[in-house]
């Protein structure tokens, strides 16, 4: 589980290039993947929200791919310059058949950024459409913070837990990207 946030750092925003590069690949994979983690919360948030570092975790892109789409997603990733990266998790037994793909891009003269995609195979996953993207259904996504995702202190995760407990659908809710009081 994630460490408590340093509230003195609330208000910091993600660099624009990180969001832009993530959106570029997600738009190419849009019809073949189910988005999870911080990017799922991004799409479930109001459009045009401020990209606060503590609201959503954009360190990597977590996607689920149905078995029938695996070959096509791998082909798209390879065409876009992503390469498989071996991790310590590759040899562990898993229902999700985990893989990691990475690509390094130059975003400014001699400044580079690594895009990491954590790829899980899974069929029969509950989903919703949020801002035109297929994402893991919010209550299912919250259940992943026990084993797949670790940033459970992000504002969106905390807000979604509270909203669901109150019987309120978190999709599109302003609290997913709002600085908590």
Foldseek 3Di string as FASTA:
>chain_A
DDDADDLVQWPDADDPVLVVVVVVLCVVCQVFWAWAFQVLLVLLEAPPFTRICQLGPSLATEIEGEPVRVVVSVVSCVVVPWDWDDDPCCPPDDPFNWTKIWDWDDPDVVDIDIYIYIYTYDPDFDWDAGNNGTYGQLVVSLVCCVPPDPSCRRQLNVVCVVCVVVVHRSRHDNSSRDDDD
